[in-house]
N, C-alpha and C. Protein backbone atom coordinates (compact mmCIF):
# COMPACT_ATOMS: atom_id res chain seq x y z
N MET A 1 -18.05 -9.56 7.34
CA MET A 1 -16.60 -9.90 7.42
C MET A 1 -16.16 -8.92 8.33
N ASN A 2 -14.95 -9.35 9.15
CA ASN A 2 -14.40 -8.77 10.10
C ASN A 2 -12.98 -8.40 9.41
N ILE A 3 -12.49 -7.35 10.15
CA ILE A 3 -11.12 -6.78 9.58
C ILE A 3 -9.94 -7.89 9.57
N THR A 4 -10.06 -8.92 10.47
CA THR A 4 -9.00 -9.97 10.41
C THR A 4 -9.21 -10.76 9.16
N THR A 5 -10.31 -11.07 8.77
CA THR A 5 -10.71 -12.01 7.68
C THR A 5 -10.22 -10.95 6.30
N LEU A 6 -10.57 -9.64 6.47
CA LEU A 6 -10.12 -8.85 5.45
C LEU A 6 -8.65 -8.97 5.12
N LYS A 7 -8.01 -8.88 6.05
CA LYS A 7 -6.27 -8.96 6.18
C LYS A 7 -5.90 -10.17 5.38
N ILE A 8 -6.56 -11.40 5.86
CA ILE A 8 -6.17 -12.51 5.15
C ILE A 8 -6.52 -12.70 3.64
N LYS A 9 -7.80 -12.39 3.49
CA LYS A 9 -8.33 -12.46 2.05
C LYS A 9 -7.90 -11.44 1.14
N TYR A 10 -7.76 -10.22 1.49
CA TYR A 10 -7.63 -8.99 0.69
C TYR A 10 -6.28 -8.26 1.24
N PRO A 11 -5.08 -8.68 1.45
CA PRO A 11 -4.06 -8.00 2.15
C PRO A 11 -3.77 -6.78 1.55
N ASP A 12 -3.91 -6.55 0.33
CA ASP A 12 -3.65 -5.18 -0.43
C ASP A 12 -4.69 -4.07 0.04
N VAL A 13 -5.87 -4.63 0.29
CA VAL A 13 -6.89 -3.56 0.80
C VAL A 13 -6.71 -3.36 2.19
N TYR A 14 -6.41 -4.42 3.02
CA TYR A 14 -6.09 -4.28 4.43
C TYR A 14 -5.11 -3.16 4.49
N LYS A 15 -3.92 -3.38 3.56
CA LYS A 15 -2.76 -2.40 3.88
C LYS A 15 -3.36 -0.86 3.45
N LEU A 16 -4.01 -0.80 2.66
CA LEU A 16 -4.67 0.43 2.25
C LEU A 16 -5.14 1.04 3.64
N ILE A 17 -5.84 0.40 4.36
CA ILE A 17 -6.55 0.84 5.52
C ILE A 17 -5.58 0.88 6.75
N ALA A 18 -4.85 0.04 6.98
CA ALA A 18 -3.85 0.02 7.94
C ALA A 18 -2.97 1.19 7.84
N GLU A 19 -2.52 1.55 6.56
CA GLU A 19 -1.75 2.76 6.48
C GLU A 19 -2.32 4.13 6.60
N THR A 20 -3.58 4.22 6.89
CA THR A 20 -4.22 5.46 6.89
C THR A 20 -4.45 5.82 8.40
N ASP A 21 -3.87 6.91 8.69
CA ASP A 21 -4.12 7.29 10.36
C ASP A 21 -5.43 8.23 10.58
N VAL A 22 -6.49 7.40 10.60
CA VAL A 22 -7.86 7.92 10.73
C VAL A 22 -7.90 8.67 11.99
N LYS A 23 -7.24 8.39 13.06
CA LYS A 23 -7.62 8.94 14.45
C LYS A 23 -7.08 10.46 14.18
N SER A 24 -6.20 10.69 13.23
CA SER A 24 -5.59 12.19 13.35
C SER A 24 -6.40 13.20 12.33
N LEU A 25 -7.11 12.30 11.35
CA LEU A 25 -7.66 13.03 10.40
C LEU A 25 -8.90 13.91 11.00
N PRO A 26 -9.21 14.97 10.40
CA PRO A 26 -10.41 15.72 10.71
C PRO A 26 -11.82 15.24 10.13
N ASN A 27 -12.73 15.56 10.79
CA ASN A 27 -13.99 15.05 10.22
C ASN A 27 -14.08 15.62 8.63
N GLY A 28 -14.87 14.76 7.73
CA GLY A 28 -14.84 15.04 6.53
C GLY A 28 -14.46 14.02 5.57
N ARG A 29 -14.43 14.29 4.26
CA ARG A 29 -14.06 13.12 3.32
C ARG A 29 -12.51 13.38 2.89
N HIS A 30 -11.74 12.28 3.00
CA HIS A 30 -10.33 12.12 2.72
C HIS A 30 -10.06 11.05 1.50
N ASN A 31 -9.57 11.59 0.43
CA ASN A 31 -9.34 10.66 -0.75
C ASN A 31 -8.06 10.00 -0.38
N LEU A 32 -8.16 8.59 -0.85
CA LEU A 32 -7.18 7.65 -0.65
C LEU A 32 -6.78 7.17 -2.06
N PRO A 33 -5.50 6.31 -2.06
CA PRO A 33 -5.18 5.74 -3.38
C PRO A 33 -6.23 4.87 -3.97
N ARG A 34 -6.09 4.47 -5.18
CA ARG A 34 -6.85 3.30 -5.91
C ARG A 34 -8.39 3.67 -5.85
N GLY A 35 -8.82 4.85 -5.77
CA GLY A 35 -10.22 5.32 -6.12
C GLY A 35 -11.07 5.20 -4.76
N ALA A 36 -10.23 4.91 -3.66
CA ALA A 36 -10.93 4.81 -2.37
C ALA A 36 -10.97 6.17 -1.52
N TYR A 37 -11.80 6.22 -0.85
CA TYR A 37 -11.80 7.50 0.25
C TYR A 37 -12.38 7.01 1.71
N VAL A 38 -12.23 7.83 2.60
CA VAL A 38 -12.71 7.73 3.89
C VAL A 38 -13.26 8.96 4.39
N ASN A 39 -14.73 8.59 5.03
CA ASN A 39 -15.35 9.74 5.61
C ASN A 39 -15.11 9.50 7.11
N VAL A 40 -14.60 10.52 7.81
CA VAL A 40 -14.65 10.61 9.40
C VAL A 40 -15.57 11.46 9.68
N GLU A 41 -16.45 11.01 10.70
CA GLU A 41 -17.66 11.48 11.20
C GLU A 41 -17.74 11.58 12.65
N THR A 42 -18.63 12.44 13.24
CA THR A 42 -18.97 12.37 14.76
C THR A 42 -20.39 12.58 14.71
N TYR A 43 -21.03 11.77 15.55
CA TYR A 43 -22.59 11.95 15.55
C TYR A 43 -22.91 11.36 16.88
N GLU A 44 -24.41 11.64 17.13
CA GLU A 44 -25.00 10.91 18.19
C GLU A 44 -25.82 9.67 17.71
N THR A 45 -25.71 8.40 18.37
CA THR A 45 -26.27 7.25 17.89
C THR A 45 -27.88 7.54 18.28
N GLN A 46 -28.58 6.70 17.53
CA GLN A 46 -30.17 6.82 17.56
C GLN A 46 -30.80 5.58 18.06
N MET A 47 -31.91 5.56 18.22
CA MET A 47 -32.79 4.43 18.72
C MET A 47 -33.04 3.72 17.43
N ARG A 48 -33.19 2.45 17.38
CA ARG A 48 -33.14 1.45 16.21
C ARG A 48 -34.41 1.89 15.36
N THR A 49 -35.52 2.35 16.00
CA THR A 49 -36.62 2.60 14.99
C THR A 49 -36.54 3.90 14.29
N GLU A 50 -35.54 4.84 14.56
CA GLU A 50 -35.30 6.15 14.02
C GLU A 50 -34.42 5.79 12.81
N ARG A 51 -33.72 4.52 12.47
CA ARG A 51 -32.70 4.43 11.44
C ARG A 51 -33.49 3.64 10.43
N LYS A 52 -32.75 3.66 9.22
CA LYS A 52 -33.12 2.91 8.16
C LYS A 52 -32.08 2.19 7.48
N PHE A 53 -32.23 1.18 6.88
CA PHE A 53 -31.29 0.35 6.03
C PHE A 53 -30.74 1.02 5.01
N GLU A 54 -29.71 0.95 4.50
CA GLU A 54 -28.81 1.55 3.35
C GLU A 54 -27.99 0.32 2.65
N ALA A 55 -27.91 0.69 1.50
CA ALA A 55 -26.93 -0.35 0.52
C ALA A 55 -26.29 0.35 -0.53
N HIS A 56 -25.12 -0.23 -0.71
CA HIS A 56 -24.39 0.41 -1.93
C HIS A 56 -24.17 -0.50 -2.96
N VAL A 57 -23.73 -0.12 -4.25
CA VAL A 57 -23.39 -0.87 -5.33
C VAL A 57 -22.05 -1.00 -5.64
N LYS A 58 -21.37 0.27 -5.56
CA LYS A 58 -20.04 0.32 -6.29
C LYS A 58 -18.87 0.22 -5.23
N PHE A 59 -19.19 0.61 -4.00
CA PHE A 59 -18.37 0.44 -2.88
C PHE A 59 -18.59 -0.50 -1.77
N VAL A 60 -17.58 -1.08 -1.15
CA VAL A 60 -17.52 -1.83 -0.04
C VAL A 60 -17.36 -0.93 1.00
N ASP A 61 -17.95 -1.10 2.30
CA ASP A 61 -17.79 -0.21 3.30
C ASP A 61 -17.01 -0.99 4.41
N VAL A 62 -15.94 -0.20 4.94
CA VAL A 62 -15.28 -0.67 6.15
C VAL A 62 -15.69 0.29 7.18
N GLN A 63 -16.69 -0.04 8.24
CA GLN A 63 -16.79 1.12 9.30
C GLN A 63 -16.11 0.73 10.45
N MET A 64 -15.30 1.68 10.92
CA MET A 64 -14.44 1.58 11.98
C MET A 64 -14.82 2.42 13.06
N ILE A 65 -14.86 2.09 14.35
CA ILE A 65 -15.31 2.97 15.33
C ILE A 65 -13.99 3.53 15.86
N LEU A 66 -13.79 4.90 16.04
CA LEU A 66 -12.66 5.59 16.64
C LEU A 66 -13.00 5.93 18.22
N SER A 67 -14.21 6.09 18.47
CA SER A 67 -14.56 6.30 19.69
C SER A 67 -15.95 6.13 19.98
N GLY A 68 -16.52 5.62 21.04
CA GLY A 68 -17.80 5.22 21.44
C GLY A 68 -18.33 3.79 21.03
N THR A 69 -19.65 3.63 21.10
CA THR A 69 -20.12 2.22 20.85
C THR A 69 -21.33 2.36 19.94
N GLU A 70 -21.59 1.50 18.99
CA GLU A 70 -22.77 1.48 18.26
C GLU A 70 -23.03 0.17 17.84
N ILE A 71 -24.31 -0.06 17.43
CA ILE A 71 -24.69 -1.26 16.71
C ILE A 71 -24.98 -0.92 15.10
N ILE A 72 -24.53 -2.06 14.42
CA ILE A 72 -24.77 -1.94 13.08
C ILE A 72 -25.57 -3.18 12.81
N VAL A 73 -26.67 -3.05 12.02
CA VAL A 73 -27.49 -4.28 11.80
C VAL A 73 -27.16 -4.67 10.26
N VAL A 74 -27.12 -5.69 9.89
CA VAL A 74 -26.80 -6.33 8.53
C VAL A 74 -27.90 -7.23 8.18
N LYS A 75 -28.51 -7.13 6.92
CA LYS A 75 -29.55 -8.02 6.46
C LYS A 75 -29.18 -7.96 4.88
N PRO A 76 -29.59 -9.17 4.16
CA PRO A 76 -29.41 -9.20 2.77
C PRO A 76 -30.28 -8.18 1.99
N VAL A 77 -29.67 -7.66 1.10
CA VAL A 77 -30.35 -6.55 0.46
C VAL A 77 -31.76 -7.26 -0.31
N GLU A 78 -31.48 -8.47 -0.56
CA GLU A 78 -32.66 -9.19 -1.24
C GLU A 78 -33.95 -9.26 -0.30
N ASP A 79 -33.73 -9.22 1.07
CA ASP A 79 -34.88 -9.18 1.91
C ASP A 79 -35.50 -7.79 2.04
N LEU A 80 -34.97 -6.75 1.39
CA LEU A 80 -35.46 -5.52 1.60
C LEU A 80 -36.16 -4.90 0.20
N LYS A 81 -35.83 -5.64 -0.91
CA LYS A 81 -36.10 -5.20 -2.14
C LYS A 81 -37.51 -4.49 -2.32
N ASN A 82 -38.49 -5.13 -1.67
CA ASN A 82 -39.81 -4.45 -1.74
C ASN A 82 -40.12 -3.40 -0.73
N SER A 83 -38.94 -2.81 -0.21
CA SER A 83 -39.27 -1.64 0.97
C SER A 83 -38.24 -0.46 0.76
N VAL A 84 -37.93 -0.12 -0.64
CA VAL A 84 -37.11 0.95 -0.99
C VAL A 84 -37.91 2.27 -0.44
N SER A 85 -37.24 2.99 0.12
CA SER A 85 -38.04 4.30 0.63
C SER A 85 -37.19 5.59 -0.03
N THR A 86 -36.03 5.38 -0.44
CA THR A 86 -35.25 6.36 -1.26
C THR A 86 -34.59 5.55 -2.40
N PRO A 87 -35.03 5.64 -3.75
CA PRO A 87 -34.20 4.88 -4.84
C PRO A 87 -32.76 5.17 -4.97
N TYR A 88 -32.33 4.09 -5.48
CA TYR A 88 -30.90 4.31 -5.81
C TYR A 88 -30.28 5.48 -6.34
N CYS A 89 -29.26 6.06 -5.88
CA CYS A 89 -28.67 7.53 -6.27
C CYS A 89 -27.33 7.00 -6.91
N LEU A 90 -26.94 7.18 -8.00
CA LEU A 90 -25.74 6.64 -8.79
C LEU A 90 -24.72 7.66 -8.07
N LYS A 91 -24.89 9.01 -8.04
CA LYS A 91 -23.99 9.91 -7.81
C LYS A 91 -23.47 9.58 -6.22
N LYS A 92 -24.38 9.19 -5.41
CA LYS A 92 -23.89 8.93 -3.91
C LYS A 92 -23.82 7.53 -3.62
N ASP A 93 -24.05 6.75 -4.66
CA ASP A 93 -23.89 5.23 -4.43
C ASP A 93 -24.61 4.81 -3.22
N ILE A 94 -25.97 5.14 -3.14
CA ILE A 94 -26.67 4.60 -2.05
C ILE A 94 -28.13 4.61 -2.23
N GLU A 95 -28.74 3.55 -1.60
CA GLU A 95 -30.38 3.10 -1.68
C GLU A 95 -30.64 3.18 -0.21
N PHE A 96 -31.87 3.50 0.07
CA PHE A 96 -32.35 3.49 1.50
C PHE A 96 -33.73 2.78 1.29
N TYR A 97 -33.87 1.83 2.57
CA TYR A 97 -35.08 1.13 2.77
C TYR A 97 -35.78 1.53 3.87
N ALA A 98 -37.13 1.21 3.96
CA ALA A 98 -37.97 1.54 5.14
C ALA A 98 -37.39 0.70 6.37
N TYR A 99 -37.55 1.26 7.54
CA TYR A 99 -37.26 0.49 8.80
C TYR A 99 -37.83 -0.92 8.59
N SER A 100 -36.84 -1.84 9.08
CA SER A 100 -37.46 -3.28 9.10
C SER A 100 -36.70 -3.95 10.35
N ASP A 101 -37.68 -5.09 11.06
CA ASP A 101 -37.02 -5.69 11.80
C ASP A 101 -35.95 -6.79 11.17
N GLY A 102 -35.32 -7.47 12.23
CA GLY A 102 -34.63 -8.48 11.96
C GLY A 102 -33.22 -8.04 11.27
N GLY A 103 -32.41 -9.07 10.85
CA GLY A 103 -30.97 -9.02 10.38
C GLY A 103 -30.21 -9.37 11.79
N LYS A 104 -28.88 -9.12 11.37
CA LYS A 104 -27.73 -9.60 12.47
C LYS A 104 -27.17 -8.47 13.07
N ASP A 105 -27.28 -8.28 14.35
CA ASP A 105 -26.63 -7.15 15.04
C ASP A 105 -25.19 -7.35 15.43
N TYR A 106 -24.39 -6.21 15.05
CA TYR A 106 -22.98 -6.12 15.34
C TYR A 106 -22.73 -5.16 16.34
N LEU A 107 -22.30 -5.62 17.47
CA LEU A 107 -21.95 -4.48 18.55
C LEU A 107 -20.42 -3.96 18.25
N LEU A 108 -20.12 -2.85 17.82
CA LEU A 108 -18.80 -2.16 17.68
C LEU A 108 -18.52 -1.08 18.64
N LYS A 109 -17.28 -1.49 19.22
CA LYS A 109 -16.80 -0.58 20.21
C LYS A 109 -15.45 -0.08 19.55
N GLU A 110 -14.71 0.74 20.47
CA GLU A 110 -13.57 1.40 19.93
C GLU A 110 -12.64 0.54 19.19
N ASN A 111 -12.09 0.92 18.00
CA ASN A 111 -11.03 0.11 17.35
C ASN A 111 -11.72 -1.13 16.74
N ASP A 112 -13.03 -1.41 16.80
CA ASP A 112 -13.64 -2.49 15.96
C ASP A 112 -14.02 -1.97 14.58
N ALA A 113 -13.95 -2.83 13.66
CA ALA A 113 -14.41 -2.60 12.18
C ALA A 113 -15.31 -3.55 11.49
N LEU A 114 -16.19 -3.39 10.93
CA LEU A 114 -16.95 -4.19 10.19
C LEU A 114 -16.95 -3.96 8.56
N VAL A 115 -16.59 -4.92 7.99
CA VAL A 115 -16.77 -4.83 6.46
C VAL A 115 -18.12 -5.24 5.78
N ILE A 116 -18.54 -4.39 5.02
CA ILE A 116 -20.13 -4.72 4.59
C ILE A 116 -19.93 -4.36 2.93
N PHE A 117 -20.23 -5.61 2.34
CA PHE A 117 -20.28 -5.76 1.03
C PHE A 117 -21.71 -5.21 0.23
N PRO A 118 -21.58 -4.86 -0.99
CA PRO A 118 -22.79 -4.33 -1.74
C PRO A 118 -24.13 -5.26 -1.58
N ASN A 119 -23.87 -6.59 -1.49
CA ASN A 119 -25.14 -7.44 -1.35
C ASN A 119 -25.77 -7.38 0.17
N GLU A 120 -25.13 -6.73 0.98
CA GLU A 120 -25.53 -6.43 2.43
C GLU A 120 -25.97 -5.06 2.70
N ALA A 121 -27.31 -5.15 2.90
CA ALA A 121 -27.98 -3.75 3.67
C ALA A 121 -27.50 -3.63 5.15
N HIS A 122 -27.30 -2.38 5.30
CA HIS A 122 -26.83 -2.17 6.80
C HIS A 122 -27.57 -0.97 7.37
N MET A 123 -27.96 -1.04 8.76
CA MET A 123 -28.43 0.07 9.38
C MET A 123 -27.45 0.58 10.56
N PRO A 124 -26.67 1.42 10.16
CA PRO A 124 -25.61 2.04 11.28
C PRO A 124 -26.09 3.05 12.24
N CYS A 125 -25.27 3.46 13.07
CA CYS A 125 -25.41 4.59 14.16
C CYS A 125 -26.62 4.31 14.97
N ILE A 126 -26.64 2.89 15.48
CA ILE A 126 -27.82 2.53 16.41
C ILE A 126 -27.10 2.56 17.82
N ALA A 127 -27.91 3.20 18.66
CA ALA A 127 -27.56 3.36 20.15
C ALA A 127 -27.53 1.78 20.80
N ALA A 128 -26.45 1.47 21.48
CA ALA A 128 -26.25 0.21 21.97
C ALA A 128 -27.18 0.09 23.32
N GLU A 129 -27.20 1.13 24.03
CA GLU A 129 -28.14 1.27 25.31
C GLU A 129 -28.80 2.52 25.34
N ALA A 130 -28.11 3.60 25.42
CA ALA A 130 -28.56 4.97 25.36
C ALA A 130 -27.83 5.73 24.27
N PRO A 131 -28.39 6.66 23.64
CA PRO A 131 -27.71 7.52 22.70
C PRO A 131 -26.43 7.87 23.22
N GLN A 132 -25.39 7.96 22.38
CA GLN A 132 -24.12 8.40 22.79
C GLN A 132 -23.32 9.10 21.45
N GLN A 133 -22.29 9.85 21.75
CA GLN A 133 -21.57 10.34 20.76
C GLN A 133 -20.51 9.02 20.29
N VAL A 134 -20.44 9.13 18.91
CA VAL A 134 -19.61 8.22 18.32
C VAL A 134 -18.70 8.87 17.28
N ARG A 135 -17.40 8.58 17.23
CA ARG A 135 -16.65 9.08 15.98
C ARG A 135 -16.14 7.76 15.33
N LYS A 136 -16.51 7.94 13.99
CA LYS A 136 -16.22 6.67 13.23
C LYS A 136 -15.78 7.23 11.73
N ALA A 137 -14.87 6.22 11.32
CA ALA A 137 -14.24 6.32 9.95
C ALA A 137 -14.84 5.34 9.01
N VAL A 138 -15.43 5.68 7.99
CA VAL A 138 -16.11 4.91 7.02
C VAL A 138 -15.31 4.81 5.75
N PHE A 139 -14.48 3.81 5.56
CA PHE A 139 -13.68 3.52 4.30
C PHE A 139 -14.64 3.30 3.23
N LYS A 140 -14.44 3.76 2.10
CA LYS A 140 -15.33 3.50 0.84
C LYS A 140 -14.49 2.87 -0.16
N LEU A 141 -14.50 1.63 -0.42
CA LEU A 141 -13.40 1.11 -1.20
C LEU A 141 -14.07 0.35 -2.51
N PRO A 142 -13.68 0.78 -3.64
CA PRO A 142 -14.23 0.35 -4.95
C PRO A 142 -14.35 -1.18 -4.96
N ILE A 143 -15.49 -1.71 -5.38
CA ILE A 143 -15.66 -3.11 -5.53
C ILE A 143 -14.67 -3.88 -6.28
N GLU A 144 -14.04 -3.18 -7.41
CA GLU A 144 -13.02 -3.68 -8.10
C GLU A 144 -11.83 -4.21 -7.27
N LEU A 145 -11.53 -3.68 -6.11
CA LEU A 145 -10.48 -3.83 -5.43
C LEU A 145 -10.49 -5.36 -4.66
N PHE A 146 -11.71 -5.98 -4.92
CA PHE A 146 -12.02 -7.30 -4.30
C PHE A 146 -12.15 -8.34 -5.20
N THR A 147 -11.81 -8.15 -6.48
CA THR A 147 -11.99 -9.06 -7.47
C THR A 147 -10.61 -9.67 -7.92
């Protein structure tokens, strides 16, 4: 789902994101209302084969590029259930899967955002061409906000 669809389907959730001035926030975790938070991070993108798929259970991700360009690959969690590389960690709400081909590529540039639900595994931080520095805000929104 893209951010425009989020605005239409879930206006309260969209408002929470729109009212957060992420570009002025330093790197790190920042708590938001309603049990949500945002992680602001700067990193170097990597080649696709160096990355792993990940998935969450309790939170929906909204990954927003603040500067740079990266690819995020999304694929159904069901397609990866037999390739768990790090079992689900309740405290961090994350499970990792071994590298896998396939999925849908999303090319995200500055100010682009991608909404990723718990039934969608995703492989972020992939270099679009050559590795480059990216600054990104990852909103972690409790799944209950979407019911």
